[in-house]
Structure formats: C-alpha cells, structure tokens
Protein backbone atom coordinates (compact mmCIF):
# COMPACT_ATOMS: atom_id res chain seq x y z
CA MET A 1 0.09 0.09 -0.03
CA THR A 2 1.36 3.47 -0.89
CA LEU A 3 0.52 6.84 0.70
CA ALA A 4 -1.35 7.90 -2.43
CA GLU A 5 -3.53 4.67 -2.32
CA LEU A 6 -4.28 5.11 1.23
CA THR A 7 -5.19 8.87 0.76
CA ARG A 8 -7.51 7.98 -2.15
CA LEU A 9 -9.24 5.30 -0.01
CA HIS A 10 -9.64 7.24 3.20
CA GLY A 11 -8.27 11.00 2.53
CA ARG A 12 -11.85 12.49 2.60
CA THR A 13 -12.25 11.46 6.21
CA TRP A 14 -8.63 11.22 7.67
CA THR A 15 -5.50 13.36 7.13
CA ILE A 16 -2.66 11.09 6.93
CA ALA A 17 0.99 11.77 7.61
CA GLU A 18 4.39 10.15 8.47
CA ALA A 19 5.23 10.56 12.33
CA VAL A 20 8.29 12.24 13.48
CA GLY A 21 9.68 9.19 15.21
CA GLY A 22 8.67 6.76 12.59
CA GLY A 23 5.52 5.20 11.43
CA TRP A 24 2.22 6.54 10.33
CA TYR A 25 -0.71 8.29 11.75
CA ALA A 26 -4.19 9.50 10.75
CA VAL A 27 -6.50 12.23 12.31
CA ARG A 28 -10.02 12.49 11.72
CA ARG A 29 -10.91 15.44 9.55
CA ALA A 30 -14.12 16.08 11.69
CA ASP A 31 -14.19 14.84 15.44
CA MET A 32 -16.01 11.67 16.36
CA SER A 33 -19.13 12.07 18.42
CA ALA A 34 -18.87 10.89 22.11
CA TYR A 35 -21.48 8.14 21.03
CA GLY A 36 -19.05 6.96 18.29
CA LEU A 37 -16.12 6.90 20.67
CA GLU A 38 -18.17 4.57 23.06
CA HIS A 39 -18.64 2.22 20.21
CA GLY A 40 -14.91 1.80 19.62
CA LEU A 41 -14.24 4.66 16.88
CA SER A 42 -11.32 6.97 17.38
CA ASN A 43 -10.25 10.54 16.13
CA ILE A 44 -6.49 9.19 15.85
CA ARG A 45 -5.14 5.90 14.63
CA CYS A 46 -1.35 4.94 14.17
CA GLY A 47 0.58 2.23 12.58
CA THR A 48 4.16 1.23 12.12
CA THR A 49 3.75 0.79 8.61
CA LEU A 50 1.24 1.99 5.95
CA ALA A 51 -0.27 -1.36 5.71
CA GLU A 52 -0.83 -1.60 9.33
CA LEU A 53 -2.44 1.95 9.38
CA ALA A 54 -4.55 0.87 6.32
CA ARG A 55 -5.82 -2.23 8.29
CA ARG A 56 -6.84 0.08 11.25
CA LEU A 57 -8.63 2.60 9.04
CA ASP A 58 -10.51 -0.32 7.35
CA THR A 59 -11.62 -1.35 10.76
CA GLU A 60 -12.86 2.26 11.57
CA THR A 61 -14.77 2.21 8.35
CA ARG A 62 -16.42 -1.11 9.32
CA LEU A 63 -17.30 0.00 12.69
CA GLU A 64 -18.63 3.28 11.31
CA ASN A 65 -20.90 1.33 8.82
CA GLN A 66 -22.40 -0.92 11.57
CA PRO A 67 -25.91 -0.03 12.65
CA TRP A 68 -25.86 1.08 16.40
CA ARG A 69 -28.78 0.78 18.61
CA ARG A 70 -29.31 3.20 21.31
CA VAL A 71 -30.37 1.42 24.51
CA PRO A 72 -32.82 3.36 26.54
CA LEU A 73 -31.70 4.77 29.74
CA ARG A 74 -34.79 3.71 31.62
CA ALA A 75 -37.53 1.24 31.03
CA ALA A 76 -40.71 2.63 29.20
CA PRO A 77 -43.68 2.83 31.66
C-alpha cells in the first residue's frame, strides 16, 4: 500500500501523515461524537507501517458502517 492509495481510500475522512519518530498516523478531519467513541471509534489511528495503518482505518470504516442501537436509559412505563 502506498501513501497515495491510502489517501485515495481514506483521505476524505482522515488526514494521513508520517510520524516524526517513525511510523504513520491518521487524524479525523471531523471529530467523532462521544457516542461513536463509546462504540470503539477513534479520532486518531497509528501504525508502524502504511499497511498496518490501512488495516486500522479499514476497521474504523467497518465500525462506522455498523448499525448502532441506542439502549434506553430507563424502562418505558
């Protein structure tokens, strides 16, 4: 996987860059809601290689596309 390919796949949602200490990171262009964060989504993902970062971004995409049900806070009367 190249940076150009990864940017083509995820660049609308994520800003992807090389980390100063090595590896790669991606930051969401728009913050994820607290509800999304509770369901395992993240605003930042890192990887030691582009391939690892690509896998993590693919996982984020799958989680985003899952239907989430809100559980009522209290039982209905």
